[in-house]
């Protein structure tokens, strides 16, 4: 798959956000849940990352079927619009552990192609 400059830039930005999140959560789940500095930093990076996924071309999203782009868009909307009580840090942690590695793997493959 040929990746355009715009998609490459957003993919690099997504990878950067994922790597920052990985560093932030090294403190562990308990600290993430109890320390607002950690959770706020993670949520902000997730918001930025999800916004970047929205800017990827539809062609790229059609080609990469292993990522649930629709769910990412929904997650972004919750982060941006429903922050007053709509965000479960437990669910965020679960997404970081289960979904973020898949997205990171795909982004790395795309950046290296």
Protein backbone atom coordinates (compact mmCIF):
# COMPACT_ATOMS: atom_id res chain seq x y z
CA UNK A 1 0.00 0.00 0.00
CA UNK A 2 1.29 3.43 -0.96
CA UNK A 3 0.92 5.96 1.82
CA UNK A 4 0.61 9.64 1.01
CA UNK A 5 2.49 12.38 2.85
CA UNK A 6 -0.60 13.46 4.79
CA UNK A 7 -1.33 9.93 6.02
CA UNK A 8 2.34 9.39 6.87
CA UNK A 9 2.36 12.54 9.00
CA UNK A 10 -0.76 11.51 10.91
CA UNK A 11 0.49 7.94 11.35
CA UNK A 12 3.77 9.25 12.79
CA UNK A 13 1.78 11.47 15.14
CA UNK A 14 -0.39 8.52 16.22
CA UNK A 15 2.74 6.47 16.95
CA UNK A 16 4.19 9.35 18.97
CA UNK A 17 1.01 9.56 21.07
CA UNK A 18 0.97 5.80 21.67
CA UNK A 19 4.61 5.85 22.77
CA UNK A 20 3.89 8.72 25.18
CA UNK A 21 0.92 6.82 26.63
CA UNK A 22 3.10 3.73 27.07
CA UNK A 23 5.57 5.81 29.09
CA UNK A 24 2.83 7.41 31.19
CA UNK A 25 1.30 4.08 32.18
CA UNK A 26 4.56 2.53 33.32
CA UNK A 27 3.44 3.63 36.80
CA UNK A 28 0.79 0.89 36.67
CA UNK A 29 -2.97 0.66 36.74
CA UNK A 30 -3.41 1.70 40.37
CA UNK A 31 -1.47 4.93 39.85
CA UNK A 32 -3.30 5.58 36.59
CA UNK A 33 -6.67 5.23 38.32
CA UNK A 34 -5.73 7.27 41.41
CA UNK A 35 -3.41 9.98 40.09
CA UNK A 36 -5.23 12.60 38.03
CA UNK A 37 -1.95 13.91 36.59
CA UNK A 38 -1.33 10.50 35.00
CA UNK A 39 -4.89 9.88 33.87
CA UNK A 40 -5.29 13.42 32.53
CA UNK A 41 -2.07 13.10 30.52
CA UNK A 42 -3.16 9.73 29.10
CA UNK A 43 -6.65 11.00 28.25
CA UNK A 44 -5.21 14.04 26.50
CA UNK A 45 -2.85 11.92 24.41
CA UNK A 46 -5.70 9.54 23.57
CA UNK A 47 -7.81 12.48 22.46
CA UNK A 48 -5.02 13.83 20.24
CA UNK A 49 -4.34 10.36 18.87
CA UNK A 50 -7.99 9.69 18.12
CA UNK A 51 -8.28 13.07 16.40
CA UNK A 52 -5.35 12.14 14.17
CA UNK A 53 -7.02 8.84 13.24
CA UNK A 54 -10.01 10.85 12.04
CA UNK A 55 -7.78 12.73 9.63
CA UNK A 56 -6.41 9.62 7.93
CA UNK A 57 -7.64 9.03 4.38
CA UNK A 58 -10.67 6.82 3.86
CA UNK A 59 -8.54 4.75 1.45
CA UNK A 60 -6.10 3.88 4.22
CA UNK A 61 -8.90 3.04 6.64
CA UNK A 62 -10.53 0.79 4.04
CA UNK A 63 -7.25 -1.08 3.50
CA UNK A 64 -6.50 -1.58 7.21
CA UNK A 65 -9.35 -3.75 8.44
CA UNK A 66 -7.68 -4.94 11.66
CA UNK A 67 -8.33 -1.54 13.30
CA UNK A 68 -11.88 -0.66 14.31
CA UNK A 69 -11.86 2.89 12.97
CA UNK A 70 -15.53 3.42 13.82
CA UNK A 71 -14.98 2.56 17.47
CA UNK A 72 -11.97 4.87 17.55
CA UNK A 73 -14.16 7.68 16.24
CA UNK A 74 -16.74 6.94 18.92
CA UNK A 75 -14.04 6.85 21.58
CA UNK A 76 -12.77 10.22 20.39
CA UNK A 77 -16.26 11.68 20.63
CA UNK A 78 -16.61 10.48 24.22
CA UNK A 79 -13.21 11.92 25.12
CA UNK A 80 -13.99 15.27 23.53
CA UNK A 81 -17.69 15.76 24.21
CA UNK A 82 -18.67 13.60 27.16
CA UNK A 83 -15.86 14.24 29.59
CA UNK A 84 -18.15 15.26 32.45
CA UNK A 85 -18.71 11.81 33.87
CA UNK A 86 -18.87 9.78 30.68
CA UNK A 87 -15.34 8.43 30.86
CA UNK A 88 -14.63 5.27 32.81
CA UNK A 89 -10.93 5.06 33.63
CA UNK A 90 -11.33 1.29 33.97
CA UNK A 91 -12.58 1.12 30.37
CA UNK A 92 -9.78 3.42 29.24
CA UNK A 93 -7.20 1.16 30.90
CA UNK A 94 -8.78 -1.86 29.23
CA UNK A 95 -8.59 -0.14 25.83
CA UNK A 96 -4.96 0.80 26.44
CA UNK A 97 -4.05 -2.78 27.28
CA UNK A 98 -6.10 -4.51 24.58
CA UNK A 99 -6.64 -2.12 21.65
CA UNK A 100 -3.65 0.20 21.68
CA UNK A 101 -1.10 -2.55 20.93
CA UNK A 102 -3.07 -3.56 17.82
CA UNK A 103 -3.23 0.02 16.60
CA UNK A 104 0.47 0.52 17.31
CA UNK A 105 1.41 -2.61 15.39
CA UNK A 106 -0.62 -1.51 12.35
CA UNK A 107 0.78 2.00 12.46
CA UNK A 108 4.36 0.70 12.58
CA UNK A 109 3.69 -1.65 9.65
CA UNK A 110 2.19 1.22 7.64
CA UNK A 111 5.04 3.59 8.46
CA UNK A 112 7.59 0.99 7.40
CA UNK A 113 5.85 0.19 4.11
